[in-house]
Amino acid sequence: MPGKVKHIPENSVSLIIKFQTMEEKSRLIQDEELLLRNNSRNINIQTINIMRV
């Protein structure tokens, strides 16, 4: 029947929310790792530049 809303059990909703949160957490961790990698690369470049002077 078109337009009929299917009832979603409460447990399912909490599982969906948990999954989204874990996905966001994973994305945040990846972002942090990328930042750390970029920072260490920048530090290495700065060190090389200092040694050249």
C-alpha atoms as a PDB file:
ATOM      1  CA  MET A   1       0.000   0.000   0.000  1.00  0.00           C
ATOM      2  CA  PRO A   2       1.577   3.290  -1.025  1.00  0.00           C
ATOM      3  CA  GLY A   3       1.939   5.876   1.709  1.00  0.00           C
ATOM      4  CA  LYS A   4       1.915   3.315   4.512  1.00  0.00           C
ATOM      5  CA  VAL A   5       4.572   3.931   7.177  1.00  0.00           C
ATOM      6  CA  LYS A   6       6.353   0.793   8.343  1.00  0.00           C
ATOM      7  CA  HIS A   7       6.869   0.573  12.083  1.00  0.00           C
ATOM      8  CA  ILE A   8      10.549   0.320  13.028  1.00  0.00           C
ATOM      9  CA  PRO A   9      11.221  -1.415  16.351  1.00  0.00           C
ATOM     10  CA  GLU A  10      13.042   0.716  18.925  1.00  0.00           C
ATOM     11  CA  ASN A  11      16.065  -1.639  18.919  1.00  0.00           C
ATOM     12  CA  SER A  12      16.622  -1.102  15.203  1.00  0.00           C
ATOM     13  CA  VAL A  13      16.761   2.659  15.607  1.00  0.00           C
ATOM     14  CA  SER A  14      19.389   2.439  18.346  1.00  0.00           C
ATOM     15  CA  LEU A  15      21.464   0.073  16.191  1.00  0.00           C
ATOM     16  CA  ILE A  16      21.306   2.517  13.283  1.00  0.00           C
ATOM     17  CA  ILE A  17      22.370   5.381  15.569  1.00  0.00           C
ATOM     18  CA  LYS A  18      25.225   3.282  16.984  1.00  0.00           C
ATOM     19  CA  PHE A  19      26.400   2.382  13.477  1.00  0.00           C
ATOM     20  CA  GLN A  20      26.362   6.025  12.382  1.00  0.00           C
ATOM     21  CA  THR A  21      28.284   7.027  15.493  1.00  0.00           C
ATOM     22  CA  MET A  22      30.929   4.333  14.921  1.00  0.00           C
ATOM     23  CA  GLU A  23      31.242   5.429  11.297  1.00  0.00           C
ATOM     24  CA  GLU A  24      31.741   9.042  12.397  1.00  0.00           C
ATOM     25  CA  LYS A  25      34.256   7.937  15.035  1.00  0.00           C
ATOM     26  CA  SER A  26      36.176   5.964  12.425  1.00  0.00           C
ATOM     27  CA  ARG A  27      36.187   8.988  10.108  1.00  0.00           C
ATOM     28  CA  LEU A  28      37.467  11.202  12.940  1.00  0.00           C
ATOM     29  CA  ILE A  29      40.267   8.736  13.705  1.00  0.00           C
ATOM     30  CA  GLN A  30      41.266   8.677  10.024  1.00  0.00           C
ATOM     31  CA  ASP A  31      41.261  12.487   9.948  1.00  0.00           C
ATOM     32  CA  GLU A  32      43.489  12.593  13.039  1.00  0.00           C
ATOM     33  CA  GLU A  33      45.925  10.095  11.514  1.00  0.00           C
ATOM     34  CA  LEU A  34      46.090  12.179   8.348  1.00  0.00           C
ATOM     35  CA  LEU A  35      46.738  15.327  10.394  1.00  0.00           C
ATOM     36  CA  LEU A  36      49.484  13.584  12.357  1.00  0.00           C
ATOM     37  CA  ARG A  37      51.084  12.352   9.151  1.00  0.00           C
ATOM     38  CA  ASN A  38      50.947  15.828   7.619  1.00  0.00           C
ATOM     39  CA  ASN A  39      52.362  17.407  10.777  1.00  0.00           C
ATOM     40  CA  SER A  40      55.301  15.013  10.914  1.00  0.00           C
ATOM     41  CA  ARG A  41      55.955  15.647   7.222  1.00  0.00           C
ATOM     42  CA  ASN A  42      55.933  19.410   7.862  1.00  0.00           C
ATOM     43  CA  ILE A  43      58.329  18.993  10.788  1.00  0.00           C
ATOM     44  CA  ASN A  44      60.688  16.976   8.578  1.00  0.00           C
ATOM     45  CA  ILE A  45      60.587  19.664   5.885  1.00  0.00           C
ATOM     46  CA  GLN A  46      61.272  22.378   8.481  1.00  0.00           C
ATOM     47  CA  THR A  47      64.205  20.380   9.860  1.00  0.00           C
ATOM     48  CA  ILE A  48      65.682  20.007   6.373  1.00  0.00           C
ATOM     49  CA  ASN A  49      65.260  23.751   5.764  1.00  0.00           C
ATOM     50  CA  ILE A  50      66.992  24.593   9.062  1.00  0.00           C
ATOM     51  CA  MET A  51      69.889  22.265   8.220  1.00  0.00           C
ATOM     52  CA  ARG A  52      70.332  23.984   4.843  1.00  0.00           C
ATOM     53  CA  VAL A  53      70.733  27.440   6.405  1.00  0.00           C
END
